[in-house]
Protein backbone atom coordinates (compact mmCIF):
# COMPACT_ATOMS: atom_id res chain seq x y z
CA MET A 1 -37.62 -1.08 -4.28
CA GLU A 2 -36.16 0.05 -0.94
CA VAL A 3 -39.68 0.85 0.34
CA PHE A 4 -40.93 -2.55 -0.85
CA VAL A 5 -38.08 -4.38 0.88
CA GLU A 6 -38.74 -2.63 4.18
CA ALA A 7 -42.50 -3.26 3.95
CA ALA A 8 -41.91 -6.91 3.07
CA ARG A 9 -39.43 -7.31 5.92
CA THR A 10 -41.82 -5.89 8.53
CA LEU A 11 -45.10 -6.92 6.84
CA SER A 12 -46.38 -3.51 7.89
CA PHE A 13 -46.76 -0.35 5.81
CA ALA A 14 -46.88 1.69 9.01
CA ALA A 15 -43.64 0.18 10.36
CA ALA A 16 -41.93 0.73 7.00
CA ALA A 17 -43.08 4.34 7.03
CA ARG A 18 -41.55 4.90 10.48
CA GLN A 19 -38.29 3.23 9.50
CA LEU A 20 -37.98 5.24 6.27
CA ASN A 21 -39.20 8.50 7.82
CA MET A 22 -42.10 8.96 5.40
CA SER A 23 -45.89 8.85 5.58
CA ARG A 24 -47.88 5.62 5.37
CA GLY A 25 -49.60 7.03 2.31
CA MET A 26 -46.24 7.56 0.60
CA VAL A 27 -45.30 3.94 1.33
CA SER A 28 -48.57 2.78 -0.24
CA ARG A 29 -47.90 4.99 -3.27
CA HIS A 30 -44.39 3.55 -3.80
CA ILE A 31 -45.73 -0.03 -3.51
CA TYR A 32 -48.57 0.74 -5.93
CA GLU A 33 -46.19 2.25 -8.51
CA LEU A 34 -43.84 -0.73 -8.23
CA GLU A 35 -46.75 -3.15 -8.74
CA GLN A 36 -47.85 -1.16 -11.81
CA HIS A 37 -44.32 -1.29 -13.18
CA LEU A 38 -43.99 -5.07 -12.61
CA GLY A 39 -47.58 -5.90 -13.61
CA VAL A 40 -48.15 -8.13 -10.56
CA ARG A 41 -49.49 -7.74 -7.03
CA LEU A 42 -46.81 -7.93 -4.40
CA PHE A 43 -48.99 -7.76 -1.26
CA ASN A 44 -52.35 -9.10 -0.15
CA ARG A 45 -53.96 -6.24 1.77
CA THR A 46 -56.72 -6.43 4.37
CA THR A 47 -57.95 -3.85 6.84
CA ARG A 48 -55.92 -5.54 9.56
CA ASP A 49 -52.66 -6.66 7.94
CA VAL A 50 -50.67 -7.28 4.78
CA SER A 51 -48.92 -10.37 3.50
CA LEU A 52 -46.72 -11.18 0.55
CA THR A 53 -48.16 -12.82 -2.53
CA ALA A 54 -46.18 -15.63 -4.16
CA ALA A 55 -44.84 -13.10 -6.68
CA GLY A 56 -44.03 -10.72 -3.81
CA ALA A 57 -42.09 -13.38 -1.93
CA GLN A 58 -40.10 -14.19 -5.07
CA TYR A 59 -39.42 -10.51 -5.78
CA TYR A 60 -38.39 -9.90 -2.15
CA THR A 61 -35.67 -12.56 -2.41
CA VAL A 62 -34.11 -10.75 -5.38
CA SER A 63 -34.76 -7.13 -4.46
CA SER A 64 -33.51 -7.43 -0.87
CA GLU A 65 -30.12 -8.54 -2.22
CA VAL A 66 -30.10 -5.68 -4.76
CA VAL A 67 -30.86 -3.14 -2.03
CA ARG A 68 -28.15 -4.64 0.20
CA VAL A 69 -25.53 -4.41 -2.57
CA LEU A 70 -26.51 -0.85 -3.44
CA ALA A 71 -26.32 0.19 0.22
CA ALA A 72 -22.83 -1.33 0.46
CA GLU A 73 -21.77 0.54 -2.69
CA ASP A 74 -23.15 3.78 -1.23
CA LEU A 75 -20.97 3.29 1.85
CA LYS A 76 -17.90 2.55 -0.26
CA LEU A 77 -18.39 5.62 -2.40
CA ALA A 78 -18.94 7.76 0.67
CA GLU A 79 -15.73 6.33 2.15
CA VAL A 80 -13.79 7.06 -1.05
CA ASN A 81 -14.99 10.66 -1.17
CA LYS A 82 -14.60 11.36 2.52
CA GLY A 83 -11.00 12.33 1.81
CA ASN A 84 -9.69 14.12 4.84
CA LYS A 85 -11.39 12.00 7.50
CA GLY A 86 -11.18 8.40 8.63
CA ILE A 87 -8.40 5.83 8.98
CA LEU A 88 -5.61 5.32 6.47
CA ARG A 89 -4.14 1.82 6.75
CA ILE A 90 -0.60 1.50 5.37
CA VAL A 91 1.76 -1.45 5.21
CA SER A 92 5.36 -0.60 4.38
CA VAL A 93 8.62 -2.39 3.85
CA ARG A 94 10.51 -1.91 7.11
CA SER A 95 13.76 -0.58 5.60
CA PHE A 96 12.05 2.45 4.06
CA GLY A 97 9.17 2.83 6.49
CA GLU A 98 11.16 2.81 9.72
CA ARG A 99 12.69 6.24 9.17
CA HIS A 100 11.71 7.92 5.94
CA LEU A 101 8.04 6.99 5.79
CA ALA A 102 7.59 7.51 9.54
CA LYS A 103 8.84 11.09 9.21
CA ALA A 104 6.58 11.64 6.20
CA ILE A 105 3.58 10.35 8.17
CA ALA A 106 4.34 12.75 11.01
CA GLU A 107 4.40 15.68 8.60
CA PHE A 108 1.29 14.51 6.72
CA HIS A 109 -0.69 14.09 9.94
CA LYS A 110 0.15 17.63 11.06
CA LYS A 111 -1.39 18.89 7.83
CA ASN A 112 -4.33 16.46 7.94
CA PRO A 113 -5.11 15.87 11.64
CA GLU A 114 -8.53 14.34 10.97
CA ILE A 115 -6.94 11.38 9.17
CA SER A 116 -5.90 8.64 11.59
CA ILE A 117 -3.00 6.55 10.32
CA HIS A 118 -2.20 2.92 11.06
CA LEU A 119 1.25 1.87 9.81
CA GLU A 120 2.49 -1.70 9.85
CA LEU A 121 6.12 -2.47 9.02
CA ALA A 122 6.83 -5.74 7.25
CA PRO A 123 9.72 -7.53 5.55
CA GLY A 124 10.05 -6.45 1.93
CA THR A 125 8.96 -9.80 0.54
CA LYS A 126 5.75 -9.75 2.57
CA THR A 127 4.58 -6.20 1.91
CA PRO A 128 2.57 -6.94 -1.29
CA LEU A 129 1.16 -10.13 0.27
CA GLN A 130 -0.04 -8.34 3.41
CA LEU A 131 -1.53 -5.56 1.31
CA HIS A 132 -3.91 -8.00 -0.36
CA GLU A 133 -4.66 -10.21 2.62
CA ASN A 134 -5.14 -7.80 5.51
CA GLY A 135 -7.27 -4.94 4.23
CA PHE A 136 -4.66 -2.19 3.90
CA ASP A 137 -5.46 0.85 1.77
CA LEU A 138 -1.90 1.39 0.63
CA GLY A 139 1.41 -0.47 0.50
CA VAL A 140 4.87 1.07 0.22
CA CYS A 141 7.32 -1.33 -1.40
CA ILE A 142 10.85 -1.40 -2.75
CA ALA A 143 10.54 -4.90 -4.26
CA PRO A 144 8.84 -5.39 -7.64
CA VAL A 145 5.08 -5.94 -7.36
CA THR A 146 3.91 -8.98 -9.34
CA SER A 147 0.19 -9.10 -8.54
CA PRO A 148 -1.80 -8.41 -11.74
CA SER A 149 -4.60 -6.72 -9.82
CA ALA A 150 -2.38 -4.25 -7.94
CA VAL A 151 -2.10 -0.62 -8.99
CA VAL A 152 1.49 0.66 -8.75
CA ARG A 153 2.50 4.32 -8.51
CA GLU A 154 6.16 5.35 -8.47
CA VAL A 155 7.05 7.44 -5.41
CA THR A 156 10.79 7.89 -5.92
CA ARG A 157 13.89 6.11 -7.16
CA PHE A 158 17.04 5.18 -5.29
CA ASP A 159 20.48 3.79 -6.11
CA TRP A 160 22.10 0.61 -4.87
CA LEU A 161 25.58 1.39 -3.54
CA PHE A 162 28.72 -0.40 -2.45
CA CYS A 163 29.88 1.48 0.62
CA ALA A 164 32.16 1.14 3.60
CA SER A 165 33.04 3.08 6.71
CA ARG A 166 35.95 5.48 6.45
CA ARG A 167 37.56 3.60 9.33
CA TYR A 168 37.43 0.31 7.40
CA LEU A 169 38.91 1.79 4.21
CA LYS A 170 41.66 3.56 6.14
CA LYS A 171 42.64 0.27 7.74
CA ASN A 172 42.27 -2.01 4.69
CA GLY A 173 43.14 0.30 1.80
CA PRO A 174 41.12 1.60 -1.16
CA VAL A 175 39.02 -0.55 -3.48
CA LEU A 176 40.13 0.30 -7.01
CA ASP A 177 38.49 -2.33 -9.20
CA LEU A 178 36.24 -5.41 -9.17
CA ASP A 179 39.14 -7.70 -8.35
CA ASP A 180 39.80 -5.61 -5.23
CA LEU A 181 36.10 -5.72 -4.32
CA LEU A 182 35.97 -9.50 -4.44
CA LYS A 183 38.87 -9.75 -1.97
CA HIS A 184 36.95 -7.84 0.71
CA PRO A 185 34.28 -9.29 3.01
CA THR A 186 30.84 -8.03 2.03
CA ILE A 187 27.55 -7.63 3.89
CA VAL A 188 24.35 -8.13 1.88
CA ASN A 189 20.64 -8.84 2.16
CA PRO A 190 20.18 -12.39 0.80
CA ARG A 191 16.58 -11.68 -0.15
CA THR A 192 17.68 -9.01 -2.59
CA PHE A 193 20.97 -10.56 -3.71
CA PRO A 194 20.64 -14.37 -3.43
CA ASN A 195 23.99 -16.16 -3.18
CA GLY A 196 25.71 -12.78 -3.16
CA ILE A 197 25.33 -12.40 -6.94
CA CYS A 198 24.86 -8.91 -8.36
CA ASN A 199 24.93 -7.37 -11.82
CA LEU A 200 26.86 -4.18 -12.51
CA ALA A 201 27.52 -2.01 -15.54
CA ARG A 202 30.42 0.21 -16.46
CA ALA A 203 30.99 2.03 -19.73
CA GLU A 204 28.10 0.09 -21.31
CA LYS A 205 29.68 -3.23 -20.33
CA SER A 206 27.85 -5.58 -17.98
CA HIS A 207 29.42 -7.63 -15.21
CA SER A 208 27.92 -10.37 -13.06
CA VAL A 209 29.90 -11.07 -9.91
CA ARG A 210 29.60 -13.28 -6.87
CA LEU A 211 30.60 -11.28 -3.81
CA ASN A 212 32.65 -12.58 -0.92
CA VAL A 213 29.69 -12.58 1.49
CA GLU A 214 30.75 -13.05 5.10
CA ILE A 215 27.65 -11.54 6.76
CA SER A 216 24.08 -11.67 5.43
CA ILE A 217 21.20 -9.91 7.17
CA THR A 218 17.62 -9.44 6.03
CA ASN A 219 17.37 -5.84 7.27
CA TYR A 220 19.20 -2.92 5.66
CA TRP A 221 19.50 -0.82 8.80
CA ALA A 222 21.13 -3.76 10.54
CA ILE A 223 23.52 -4.12 7.58
CA ARG A 224 24.34 -0.44 7.94
CA GLU A 225 25.18 -0.88 11.62
CA VAL A 226 27.54 -3.78 10.88
CA MET A 227 29.16 -1.77 8.08
CA LEU A 228 29.67 1.24 10.39
CA GLU A 229 31.47 -1.07 12.82
CA GLY A 230 34.08 -1.73 10.13
CA ASN A 231 33.18 -5.31 9.19
CA GLY A 232 33.48 -4.93 5.43
CA ILE A 233 31.81 -3.48 2.35
CA ALA A 234 28.01 -3.30 2.35
CA LEU A 235 25.57 -3.33 -0.53
CA LEU A 236 22.84 -0.90 0.52
CA PRO A 237 20.07 1.29 -0.88
CA SER A 238 21.06 4.95 -1.00
CA PHE A 239 18.23 5.95 1.35
CA CYS A 240 20.04 4.11 4.16
CA VAL A 241 23.44 5.80 3.86
CA MET A 242 23.09 9.22 2.22
CA GLU A 243 23.30 11.05 5.54
CA ASP A 244 26.35 9.01 6.56
CA MET A 245 28.02 9.88 3.26
CA LYS A 246 27.30 13.57 3.72
CA SER A 247 28.90 13.45 7.18
CA GLY A 248 31.96 11.70 5.78
CA GLU A 249 31.56 8.65 7.99
CA VAL A 250 30.80 6.43 5.00
CA GLU A 251 32.39 6.40 1.55
CA ARG A 252 31.00 5.02 -1.68
CA VAL A 253 33.05 2.19 -3.18
CA LEU A 254 33.56 1.82 -6.96
CA PRO A 255 31.12 4.62 -7.94
CA SER A 256 31.84 4.06 -11.63
CA TYR A 257 30.21 0.61 -11.45
CA LEU A 258 26.45 1.07 -11.52
CA LEU A 259 23.81 -1.28 -10.23
CA GLN A 260 20.24 -1.14 -11.43
CA GLN A 261 18.19 1.63 -9.81
CA GLY A 262 15.54 0.67 -7.32
CA GLN A 263 12.06 2.12 -7.00
CA VAL A 264 9.92 3.00 -4.00
CA SER A 265 6.34 2.30 -5.02
CA ALA A 266 2.94 3.12 -3.61
CA VAL A 267 0.63 0.18 -4.27
CA TYR A 268 -3.16 0.00 -4.10
CA PRO A 269 -4.63 -3.52 -3.84
CA HIS A 270 -7.00 -2.96 -6.80
CA TYR A 271 -8.39 -0.30 -9.11
CA GLU A 272 -11.76 0.01 -7.37
CA HIS A 273 -12.63 1.87 -4.19
CA VAL A 274 -9.27 3.50 -3.51
CA PRO A 275 -9.89 5.90 -0.60
CA ARG A 276 -9.21 9.50 -1.49
CA ARG A 277 -6.95 9.85 1.55
CA ALA A 278 -4.73 7.05 0.15
CA LYS A 279 -4.32 9.04 -3.05
CA MET A 280 -3.69 12.19 -1.01
CA PHE A 281 -0.90 10.49 0.91
CA THR A 282 0.62 9.08 -2.27
CA ARG A 283 0.80 12.54 -3.84
CA PHE A 284 2.26 13.90 -0.62
CA ILE A 285 5.14 11.42 -0.47
CA GLN A 286 5.79 11.75 -4.20
CA GLN A 287 6.28 15.50 -3.72
CA ARG A 288 8.17 15.11 -0.44
CA PHE A 289 10.78 12.64 -1.66
CA GLY A 290 11.13 13.63 -5.30
CA ARG A 291 14.73 12.79 -6.28
CA ALA A 292 16.04 12.82 -2.72
CA PHE A 293 17.68 9.39 -2.89
CA GLN A 294 19.25 9.50 -6.34
CA MET A 295 22.97 10.01 -6.57
CA GLU A 296 24.19 12.83 -8.78
């Protein structure tokens, strides 16, 4: 069929032979066998030229599209199996990508220098949307993914924490219970906790509270900076403050009250044609992060 399409396109067996890097006789043989299979003549042949028959013209319309689709599929499969070469396009939620994913990319690239990486940082609510609309191979999200066609792979889990700077707690006193918490100014991301409402659990009992939100910011690293300045109690993912807690600069508030765990997810836009390098990177970050952001 590929030989027929090239011969029909050029209306020359000799030109088709040159294009396909085969002999003119081999082109004639392929055309003859195709005509025998179909039971119709595809070309009118003279000593000077060839032309398509009516059946040939009809068959060319169909077969040229089949050959085009098959060629495209060949390229896709080659791209999938290329693995350690090419460009890996990633879109990530900014709060996780800015530090943790960036460091992971640096380490991954050292081990796989032939893979070029393009990372775009986006607000958490836009990460899944951009993944589908802008041709990314992989998305890294912390928000739930609702698209039915997306393929989600868990990378790691993290905890949501109430936390405050040591300086703030020293000045304003400890927070001993929920009533204490509600008296303090809080700093939250309104996209994650609309109207400052959050659900907590303690000793198998659930609580829904509306926090005293005085500052709302749509970026967790910015919330961290405001919290470090002593402006109140922040509600943050553990991956933003674990280092600060280890240094003693930040303390966890009400650790016995648990919020629902969050999940960092690797997301492919669909089941088909996932580049091997995207799967390689997913396995890499799964192994790299493990349980790094879960509180003991």
